Amino acid sequence: MFDPTVFDNLKVAFENELYDLDNLEQRIVISGRKDTVELSVMEREFRLHFHLAGQPEISAEISMHMSLKDLAAEILEQPGTEPGCALSIFFYMTVMEEQEQCSRIDKVLKEIWEPSVSIRQTLSHLYGHRQAGWSNAVELSFHRQINEEQMGDIPELARHMLESLEMLKKCFSPD
């Protein structure tokens, strides 16, 4: 019989939480989903992309990754190991005033997330195409892996993501 890995169990838990927010509560709209196995290095990755209902200008994505080392340690039940997954959260938006808006984004996210979470903003635009503003990909990285012991934290993590989307939206509102 198939015994699901830590990755599989966490993926299902994230899907359950976020799809309930989409289908039942209609607070978010899930706009993308990836569940990949990178055969060249035998890694797994899961990504779920969404935005607040009626507010597609700012979106979020949860990304979970499990390396071959962790996958093998779990499947082979290697003593002294604690297999887990790397977790990252992304927020995507367009910024018009780089310094001012990026500074506000950083401040808002630091107020919501614990100090141990690293926040990195990457600005980009397509060379040769006239466009207003910069695409901003904000990555929140956690400095430890997650496993089934953190399963109960998933609803709170989802709430933090929703609060982040709401507060980021306020950063860009003219009010």
Protein backbone atom coordinates (compact mmCIF):
# COMPACT_ATOMS: atom_id res chain seq x y z
CA MET A 1 0.00 0.00 0.00
CA PHE A 2 1.16 3.53 -0.79
CA ASP A 3 2.31 5.50 2.24
CA PRO A 4 2.10 9.22 1.43
CA THR A 5 5.20 11.30 2.02
CA VAL A 6 5.43 14.45 4.13
CA PHE A 7 5.24 16.36 0.84
CA ASP A 8 2.00 14.62 -0.20
CA ASN A 9 0.35 15.17 3.17
CA LEU A 10 1.28 18.86 3.33
CA LYS A 11 0.24 19.41 -0.29
CA VAL A 12 -3.22 17.98 0.42
CA ALA A 13 -3.54 20.10 3.56
CA PHE A 14 -2.63 23.29 1.66
CA GLU A 15 -5.01 22.37 -1.16
CA ASN A 16 -7.85 21.71 1.29
CA GLU A 17 -7.35 25.04 3.06
CA LEU A 18 -6.96 27.17 -0.05
CA TYR A 19 -9.62 25.45 -2.18
CA ASP A 20 -12.09 25.93 0.70
CA LEU A 21 -11.27 29.66 0.64
CA ASP A 22 -11.96 29.59 -3.11
CA ASN A 23 -14.95 27.26 -3.48
CA LEU A 24 -16.76 27.53 -0.15
CA GLU A 25 -15.94 30.98 1.20
CA GLN A 26 -15.28 32.61 -2.19
CA ARG A 27 -12.66 34.89 -0.64
CA ILE A 28 -9.97 33.99 -3.18
CA VAL A 29 -9.73 32.81 -6.77
CA ILE A 30 -7.18 30.11 -7.51
CA SER A 31 -5.64 30.94 -10.86
CA GLY A 32 -2.84 28.41 -11.19
CA ARG A 33 -1.57 25.12 -9.84
CA LYS A 34 1.63 23.19 -10.49
CA ASP A 35 2.62 19.84 -9.08
CA THR A 36 5.92 18.77 -10.60
CA VAL A 37 8.58 16.12 -10.28
CA GLU A 38 11.96 17.22 -11.60
CA LEU A 39 13.31 13.91 -12.87
CA SER A 40 16.85 15.15 -13.50
CA VAL A 41 17.39 15.71 -9.76
CA MET A 42 14.36 13.82 -8.37
CA GLU A 43 12.83 16.81 -6.58
CA ARG A 44 9.18 17.64 -6.04
CA GLU A 45 7.57 21.04 -6.13
CA PHE A 46 4.02 22.23 -5.56
CA ARG A 47 2.76 25.74 -6.33
CA LEU A 48 -0.70 27.22 -5.89
CA HIS A 49 -1.34 30.73 -7.25
CA PHE A 50 -4.34 32.88 -6.21
CA HIS A 51 -5.67 36.38 -5.63
CA LEU A 52 -8.42 37.94 -3.55
CA ALA A 53 -11.83 37.64 -5.19
CA GLY A 54 -12.36 40.61 -7.50
CA GLN A 55 -8.81 41.91 -6.97
CA PRO A 56 -6.44 40.26 -9.48
CA GLU A 57 -3.94 43.17 -9.42
CA ILE A 58 -2.03 41.61 -6.53
CA SER A 59 -1.63 37.86 -6.32
CA ALA A 60 -0.03 35.31 -4.04
CA GLU A 61 1.59 31.95 -4.54
CA ILE A 62 2.57 29.26 -2.10
CA SER A 63 5.53 27.13 -3.10
CA MET A 64 6.59 23.92 -1.41
CA HIS A 65 9.71 21.98 -2.40
CA MET A 66 11.15 18.64 -1.30
CA SER A 67 14.66 17.60 -2.27
CA LEU A 68 15.87 14.11 -3.14
CA LYS A 69 17.82 14.04 0.13
CA ASP A 70 14.68 14.59 2.21
CA LEU A 71 12.54 12.33 0.05
CA ALA A 72 15.07 9.50 0.27
CA ALA A 73 15.52 9.96 4.03
CA GLU A 74 11.79 9.59 4.50
CA ILE A 75 11.22 6.67 2.15
CA LEU A 76 14.28 4.78 3.44
CA GLU A 77 13.39 5.72 7.04
CA GLN A 78 16.95 6.85 7.74
CA PRO A 79 17.58 7.16 11.47
CA GLY A 80 18.42 10.60 12.83
CA THR A 81 16.78 12.47 9.98
CA GLU A 82 13.74 14.72 10.01
CA PRO A 83 12.55 14.95 6.40
CA GLY A 84 10.65 18.07 5.50
CA CYS A 85 9.79 20.59 2.83
CA ALA A 86 11.06 24.06 2.06
CA LEU A 87 8.26 26.63 2.02
CA SER A 88 8.19 29.98 0.25
CA ILE A 89 5.40 32.47 -0.29
CA PHE A 90 5.32 34.94 -3.16
CA PHE A 91 3.33 38.09 -3.80
CA TYR A 92 3.16 39.60 -7.28
CA MET A 93 2.21 43.17 -8.21
CA THR A 94 3.20 46.13 -10.35
CA VAL A 95 4.94 49.07 -8.68
CA MET A 96 5.11 52.53 -10.22
CA GLU A 97 7.35 54.28 -7.68
CA GLU A 98 10.12 51.85 -6.86
CA GLN A 99 11.59 53.31 -3.66
CA GLU A 100 8.39 54.48 -2.01
CA GLN A 101 6.18 51.48 -2.80
CA CYS A 102 8.84 48.82 -2.20
CA SER A 103 9.61 50.40 1.16
CA ARG A 104 5.90 50.30 2.08
CA ILE A 105 5.61 46.68 0.92
CA ASP A 106 8.57 45.69 3.08
CA LYS A 107 7.14 47.51 6.12
CA VAL A 108 3.64 46.00 5.73
CA LEU A 109 4.95 42.44 5.36
CA LYS A 110 7.32 42.79 8.31
CA GLU A 111 4.34 43.81 10.47
CA ILE A 112 2.39 40.68 9.48
CA TRP A 113 5.09 38.00 9.37
CA GLU A 114 7.45 36.93 12.12
CA PRO A 115 10.96 38.47 12.13
CA SER A 116 12.64 35.21 11.10
CA VAL A 117 10.97 35.35 7.66
CA SER A 118 13.25 36.81 4.97
CA ILE A 119 11.63 39.23 2.53
CA ARG A 120 13.17 39.75 -0.90
CA GLN A 121 11.73 41.94 -3.65
CA THR A 122 12.77 41.45 -7.27
CA LEU A 123 11.81 44.14 -9.77
CA SER A 124 11.78 43.50 -13.51
CA HIS A 125 10.43 44.67 -16.82
CA LEU A 126 10.70 43.44 -20.38
CA TYR A 127 13.41 45.30 -22.28
CA GLY A 128 12.22 47.07 -25.40
CA HIS A 129 8.56 47.16 -24.40
CA ARG A 130 7.03 50.34 -23.11
CA GLN A 131 5.18 49.62 -19.94
CA ALA A 132 4.19 51.52 -16.87
CA GLY A 133 5.98 50.43 -13.72
CA TRP A 134 7.92 47.40 -12.69
CA SER A 135 6.80 43.84 -12.03
CA ASN A 136 7.55 43.09 -8.38
CA ALA A 137 7.94 39.52 -7.15
CA VAL A 138 8.13 39.52 -3.36
CA GLU A 139 9.46 36.29 -1.86
CA LEU A 140 9.04 35.32 1.77
CA SER A 141 11.46 32.56 2.78
CA PHE A 142 11.29 30.53 5.95
CA HIS A 143 14.60 29.46 7.50
CA ARG A 144 13.46 26.00 8.46
CA GLN A 145 11.69 23.14 6.84
CA ILE A 146 8.12 22.19 7.56
CA ASN A 147 6.71 18.74 8.14
CA GLU A 148 3.51 17.20 9.43
CA GLU A 149 4.10 18.70 12.88
CA GLN A 150 3.23 22.10 11.36
CA MET A 151 0.00 20.85 9.75
CA GLY A 152 -2.04 22.75 12.35
CA ASP A 153 -0.32 26.00 11.34
CA ILE A 154 -1.69 25.92 7.77
CA PRO A 155 -4.97 27.80 8.54
CA GLU A 156 -2.98 30.57 10.28
CA LEU A 157 -0.52 30.70 7.37
CA ALA A 158 -3.47 31.09 4.98
CA ARG A 159 -4.88 33.90 7.15
CA HIS A 160 -1.50 35.66 7.06
CA MET A 161 -1.45 35.37 3.27
CA LEU A 162 -4.95 36.86 3.00
CA GLU A 163 -4.07 39.65 5.42
CA SER A 164 -0.93 40.35 3.39
CA LEU A 165 -2.95 40.58 0.16
CA GLU A 166 -5.45 42.92 1.82
CA MET A 167 -2.75 45.16 3.30
CA LEU A 168 -0.74 45.21 0.07
CA LYS A 169 -3.89 46.29 -1.77
CA LYS A 170 -4.22 49.20 0.69
CA CYS A 171 -0.62 50.22 -0.09
CA PHE A 172 -1.64 50.81 -3.70
CA SER A 173 -5.05 52.39 -3.10
CA PRO A 174 -5.31 56.12 -3.74
CA ASP A 175 -7.35 56.56 -0.51
